[in-house]
Amino acid sequence: MLASLWFAVALAAPLDDVREAVGGDAWINWTTLEVEVRGAALPSGVDSSRKVVETTARRPLGGKIERAAEEVRVQGTLTVADLSEDPEDGAVLAKRIARWAESEARYYASGRVEIVAALSITDVLKPWSLHQTKPSPTKEEGAYTGWVIDARGTGALPVFAPEVVAPDGESLYEGMVWSDAPPETTAVIYVWDAAHPAAARAGEHPMFSRVISVQGGEWTLDEASAAAVRASIQNARLLGMGRVVVVIDP
């Protein structure tokens, strides 16, 4: 069914990104791999100039970004908050989290001002990702251009580097990126529907696999999917070049 929907995109309405709410006016966007926050303010008091209202709306953004970033799941049950507990890693993460930037400002007739800010999860986790990189394999992927993993109906939650295993427990994929991949490469992105434009990263002829269970941070494929992965794309170059898309439940 998933494969049959792959090209049925042309006249569809724009599809929403996978956005996970993590507090007041804060979200993790698992499609763009960004933390998004919003600050807002209304004119109040004697000095109600736009500049003052903007400053008031902007003031809480840094704290919101930091708290939301800590909720990002890295691998298995590991979160950014867990990584931050290490004195050395925590200092590096804090500097990277501070790199957030304003992405949009909205002005209303009432005088209300909203400021939207975003932070790249890929950039924040770059030091962690570098420790996980592996040399690029020589194995080619043949006819496949990418990998689409259907995790709907399993309760799977988005995670920066998912761990996928076969029914016998063999590890098939650990969300790796090859050492020669472009710096901005991320292991996977998440969509609600394979027709989302972001899913184009898997190319025109992706392999489709189905997750049947999730336990302890591991996603288990069905037998047929695991066999196909082993035969065609396990350790293939496409896996570490950012061509993996995961479809999850809204």
Protein backbone atom coordinates (compact mmCIF):
# COMPACT_ATOMS: atom_id res chain seq x y z
CA MET A 1 0.00 0.00 0.00
CA LEU A 2 2.79 2.40 0.92
CA ALA A 3 4.56 1.83 -2.39
CA SER A 4 1.36 2.48 -4.34
CA LEU A 5 1.06 5.91 -2.72
CA TRP A 6 4.61 6.95 -3.51
CA PHE A 7 3.81 8.82 -6.69
CA ALA A 8 0.23 9.88 -5.88
CA VAL A 9 1.27 13.38 -4.95
CA ALA A 10 0.46 15.75 -7.77
CA LEU A 11 -2.86 17.29 -6.69
CA ALA A 12 -2.65 16.54 -2.99
CA ALA A 13 -2.96 19.34 -0.45
CA PRO A 14 0.28 20.34 1.30
CA LEU A 15 1.12 17.84 4.01
CA ASP A 16 2.08 18.86 7.53
CA ASP A 17 5.52 18.18 8.95
CA VAL A 18 5.94 15.80 11.87
CA ARG A 19 5.97 18.28 14.76
CA GLU A 20 6.11 17.06 18.35
CA ALA A 21 4.92 19.51 21.02
CA VAL A 22 7.40 19.72 23.90
CA GLY A 23 5.99 22.49 26.06
CA GLY A 24 4.32 25.84 25.65
CA ASP A 25 4.97 27.22 22.17
CA ALA A 26 7.81 24.75 21.52
CA TRP A 27 8.04 21.88 19.06
CA ILE A 28 10.50 19.40 17.62
CA ASN A 29 10.08 19.26 13.87
CA TRP A 30 11.17 15.74 12.89
CA THR A 31 10.73 16.43 9.18
CA THR A 32 13.11 19.39 9.01
CA LEU A 33 15.06 18.25 12.09
CA GLU A 34 14.70 21.57 13.86
CA VAL A 35 13.58 22.75 17.27
CA GLU A 36 10.98 25.48 16.81
CA VAL A 37 9.76 27.95 19.44
CA ARG A 38 7.52 30.98 19.48
CA GLY A 39 7.46 34.08 21.68
CA ALA A 40 4.67 36.65 21.68
CA ALA A 41 3.86 39.97 23.32
CA LEU A 42 1.21 42.70 23.27
CA PRO A 43 1.64 46.44 23.81
CA SER A 44 1.35 47.31 27.48
CA GLY A 45 1.99 50.40 29.55
CA VAL A 46 3.34 53.79 28.58
CA ASP A 47 6.08 52.60 26.25
CA SER A 48 4.31 50.35 23.77
CA SER A 49 6.57 50.91 20.78
CA ARG A 50 7.09 48.07 18.36
CA LYS A 51 10.72 47.77 19.43
CA VAL A 52 9.74 47.23 23.06
CA VAL A 53 7.07 44.68 22.14
CA GLU A 54 9.57 42.85 19.92
CA THR A 55 12.10 42.74 22.75
CA THR A 56 9.48 41.35 25.14
CA ALA A 57 8.46 38.67 22.64
CA ARG A 58 12.09 37.75 21.99
CA ARG A 59 13.19 37.53 25.64
CA PRO A 60 12.01 33.97 26.46
CA LEU A 61 13.15 32.35 23.20
CA GLY A 62 16.59 31.22 24.38
CA GLY A 63 15.20 29.43 27.43
CA LYS A 64 12.44 27.79 25.40
CA ILE A 65 14.95 26.57 22.80
CA GLU A 66 17.21 25.09 25.48
CA ARG A 67 14.39 23.25 27.26
CA ALA A 68 12.94 21.92 24.00
CA ALA A 69 16.34 20.79 22.70
CA GLU A 70 16.87 18.68 25.82
CA GLU A 71 13.79 16.64 24.83
CA VAL A 72 15.27 15.51 21.50
CA ARG A 73 15.67 11.73 21.39
CA VAL A 74 19.11 10.87 20.05
CA GLN A 75 19.24 7.07 19.88
CA GLY A 76 17.20 4.48 21.73
CA THR A 77 16.22 6.14 25.01
CA LEU A 78 19.20 8.53 24.98
CA THR A 79 18.23 12.23 24.87
CA VAL A 80 20.09 15.51 24.49
CA ALA A 81 19.46 16.05 28.21
CA ASP A 82 21.35 12.81 28.93
CA LEU A 83 24.29 13.92 26.78
CA SER A 84 24.32 17.27 28.58
CA GLU A 85 25.04 15.58 31.92
CA ASP A 86 28.61 14.91 30.82
CA PRO A 87 30.67 18.02 31.76
CA GLU A 88 32.66 18.10 28.52
CA ASP A 89 29.85 17.13 26.14
CA GLY A 90 27.42 19.37 27.98
CA ALA A 91 29.57 22.44 27.43
CA VAL A 92 29.83 21.72 23.70
CA LEU A 93 26.09 21.13 23.42
CA ALA A 94 25.29 24.34 25.28
CA LYS A 95 27.38 26.35 22.81
CA ARG A 96 25.65 24.72 19.87
CA ILE A 97 22.18 25.18 21.34
CA ALA A 98 22.98 28.88 21.69
CA ARG A 99 23.26 29.10 17.89
CA TRP A 100 19.50 29.34 17.43
CA ALA A 101 18.24 32.02 15.09
CA GLU A 102 15.04 33.93 14.49
CA SER A 103 13.26 32.60 11.43
CA GLU A 104 10.10 34.70 11.26
CA ALA A 105 8.41 37.75 12.77
CA ARG A 106 4.65 38.29 12.63
CA TYR A 107 2.91 41.61 13.26
CA TYR A 108 -0.81 42.03 13.94
CA ALA A 109 -3.18 44.99 13.79
CA SER A 110 -3.69 44.69 17.56
CA GLY A 111 -0.01 45.44 18.08
CA ARG A 112 0.75 41.83 18.97
CA VAL A 113 4.16 40.62 17.83
CA GLU A 114 5.17 36.98 17.44
CA ILE A 115 8.78 35.92 16.97
CA VAL A 116 9.55 32.41 15.71
CA ALA A 117 13.00 30.91 16.27
CA ALA A 118 14.58 27.67 15.10
CA LEU A 119 17.57 25.53 15.99
CA SER A 120 19.13 22.85 13.78
CA ILE A 121 19.15 19.49 15.56
CA THR A 122 21.71 18.26 13.05
CA ASP A 123 24.09 21.03 14.05
CA VAL A 124 23.55 20.49 17.78
CA LEU A 125 24.29 16.77 17.49
CA LYS A 126 27.18 17.09 15.02
CA PRO A 127 29.85 16.15 17.63
CA TRP A 128 27.85 13.07 18.66
CA SER A 129 27.29 12.15 15.01
CA LEU A 130 31.00 12.38 14.23
CA HIS A 131 31.67 9.75 16.90
CA GLN A 132 29.14 7.44 15.19
CA THR A 133 30.33 7.83 11.60
CA LYS A 134 31.73 4.84 9.76
CA PRO A 135 33.88 4.53 6.64
CA SER A 136 31.81 4.50 3.48
CA PRO A 137 31.26 0.96 2.15
CA THR A 138 32.08 -0.15 -1.35
CA LYS A 139 28.80 -2.05 -1.65
CA GLU A 140 26.40 -0.34 -4.04
CA GLU A 141 22.62 -0.35 -3.67
CA GLY A 142 21.79 -1.63 -7.13
CA ALA A 143 18.34 -0.57 -8.28
CA TYR A 144 17.37 1.13 -5.01
CA THR A 145 17.62 4.88 -4.53
CA GLY A 146 16.70 5.00 -0.84
CA TRP A 147 14.85 3.30 1.99
CA VAL A 148 11.33 3.98 3.28
CA ILE A 149 10.52 2.44 6.68
CA ASP A 150 6.82 2.12 7.56
CA ALA A 151 6.54 2.27 11.35
CA ARG A 152 2.83 3.09 11.53
CA GLY A 153 0.76 1.19 14.04
CA THR A 154 3.75 0.36 16.28
CA GLY A 155 3.88 3.36 18.58
CA ALA A 156 7.35 4.22 17.25
CA LEU A 157 8.54 7.68 18.29
CA PRO A 158 10.87 9.77 16.15
CA VAL A 159 14.53 9.55 17.10
CA PHE A 160 17.59 11.17 15.54
CA ALA A 161 19.37 7.85 14.89
CA PRO A 162 16.93 4.92 14.95
CA GLU A 163 18.08 1.34 15.55
CA VAL A 164 16.49 -1.21 13.20
CA VAL A 165 16.84 -4.95 13.78
CA ALA A 166 15.72 -8.23 12.20
CA PRO A 167 13.33 -10.59 14.03
CA ASP A 168 16.35 -12.65 15.16
CA GLY A 169 17.88 -9.56 16.77
CA GLU A 170 20.55 -8.87 14.14
CA SER A 171 21.26 -5.16 13.83
CA LEU A 172 20.44 -3.95 10.32
CA TYR A 173 20.78 -0.20 10.74
CA GLU A 174 21.89 2.16 13.53
CA GLY A 175 21.21 5.56 12.01
CA MET A 176 24.77 5.93 10.80
CA VAL A 177 26.21 8.51 8.42
CA TRP A 178 29.27 7.70 6.34
CA SER A 179 32.45 9.64 7.05
CA ASP A 180 32.55 11.07 3.51
CA ALA A 181 28.93 12.25 3.50
CA PRO A 182 28.31 16.01 3.20
CA PRO A 183 28.43 17.77 6.60
CA GLU A 184 24.70 18.54 6.58
CA THR A 185 23.72 14.88 6.06
CA THR A 186 21.34 13.39 8.62
CA ALA A 187 20.44 9.74 9.04
CA VAL A 188 16.66 9.96 8.60
CA ILE A 189 13.69 12.28 8.40
CA TYR A 190 10.09 11.57 9.44
CA VAL A 191 6.80 12.11 7.62
CA TRP A 192 3.15 11.27 8.26
CA ASP A 193 2.65 10.27 4.64
CA ALA A 194 5.03 9.02 1.95
CA ALA A 195 3.55 11.70 -0.34
CA HIS A 196 5.20 14.48 1.70
CA PRO A 197 7.69 16.38 -0.50
CA ALA A 198 10.46 15.74 2.04
CA ALA A 199 10.20 12.01 1.30
CA ALA A 200 11.73 12.68 -2.11
CA ARG A 201 15.13 12.20 -0.46
CA ALA A 202 14.55 8.44 -0.82
CA GLY A 203 14.50 8.83 -4.61
CA GLU A 204 12.21 7.35 -7.21
CA HIS A 205 12.87 3.66 -6.47
CA PRO A 206 13.22 3.17 -2.71
CA MET A 207 13.07 -0.12 -0.84
CA PHE A 208 10.00 -0.36 1.41
CA SER A 209 10.19 -2.10 4.81
CA ARG A 210 7.68 -2.55 7.61
CA VAL A 211 8.30 -2.34 11.35
CA ILE A 212 6.24 -4.84 13.35
CA SER A 213 7.27 -3.99 16.91
CA VAL A 214 9.15 -1.45 19.00
CA GLN A 215 10.87 -2.34 22.24
CA GLY A 216 13.69 -0.80 24.23
CA GLY A 217 14.52 1.68 21.51
CA GLU A 218 14.78 -1.02 18.82
CA TRP A 219 12.52 -1.24 15.80
CA THR A 220 12.00 -4.81 14.55
CA LEU A 221 11.22 -5.44 10.88
CA ASP A 222 9.02 -8.25 9.62
CA GLU A 223 10.77 -11.31 8.20
CA ALA A 224 10.27 -10.38 4.56
CA SER A 225 11.54 -6.84 5.07
CA ALA A 226 14.58 -8.02 7.01
CA ALA A 227 15.45 -10.55 4.30
CA ALA A 228 15.18 -7.89 1.60
CA VAL A 229 17.41 -5.49 3.54
CA ARG A 230 20.03 -8.18 4.09
CA ALA A 231 20.00 -9.14 0.42
CA SER A 232 20.08 -5.69 -1.12
CA ILE A 233 20.90 -2.67 1.05
CA GLN A 234 22.45 -3.74 4.36
CA ASN A 235 25.62 -1.63 4.67
CA ALA A 236 24.97 -0.19 1.21
CA ARG A 237 26.07 3.35 0.52
CA LEU A 238 22.55 4.80 0.42
CA LEU A 239 22.02 4.11 4.14
CA GLY A 240 24.67 6.56 5.29
CA MET A 241 24.00 9.25 2.70
CA GLY A 242 20.75 10.60 4.12
CA ARG A 243 18.33 8.69 1.92
CA VAL A 244 16.21 7.07 4.65
CA VAL A 245 12.60 8.16 5.32
CA VAL A 246 10.42 6.90 8.18
CA VAL A 247 6.61 7.04 7.99
CA ILE A 248 4.95 7.19 11.42
CA ASP A 249 1.47 7.70 12.82
CA PRO A 250 0.08 11.22 13.34
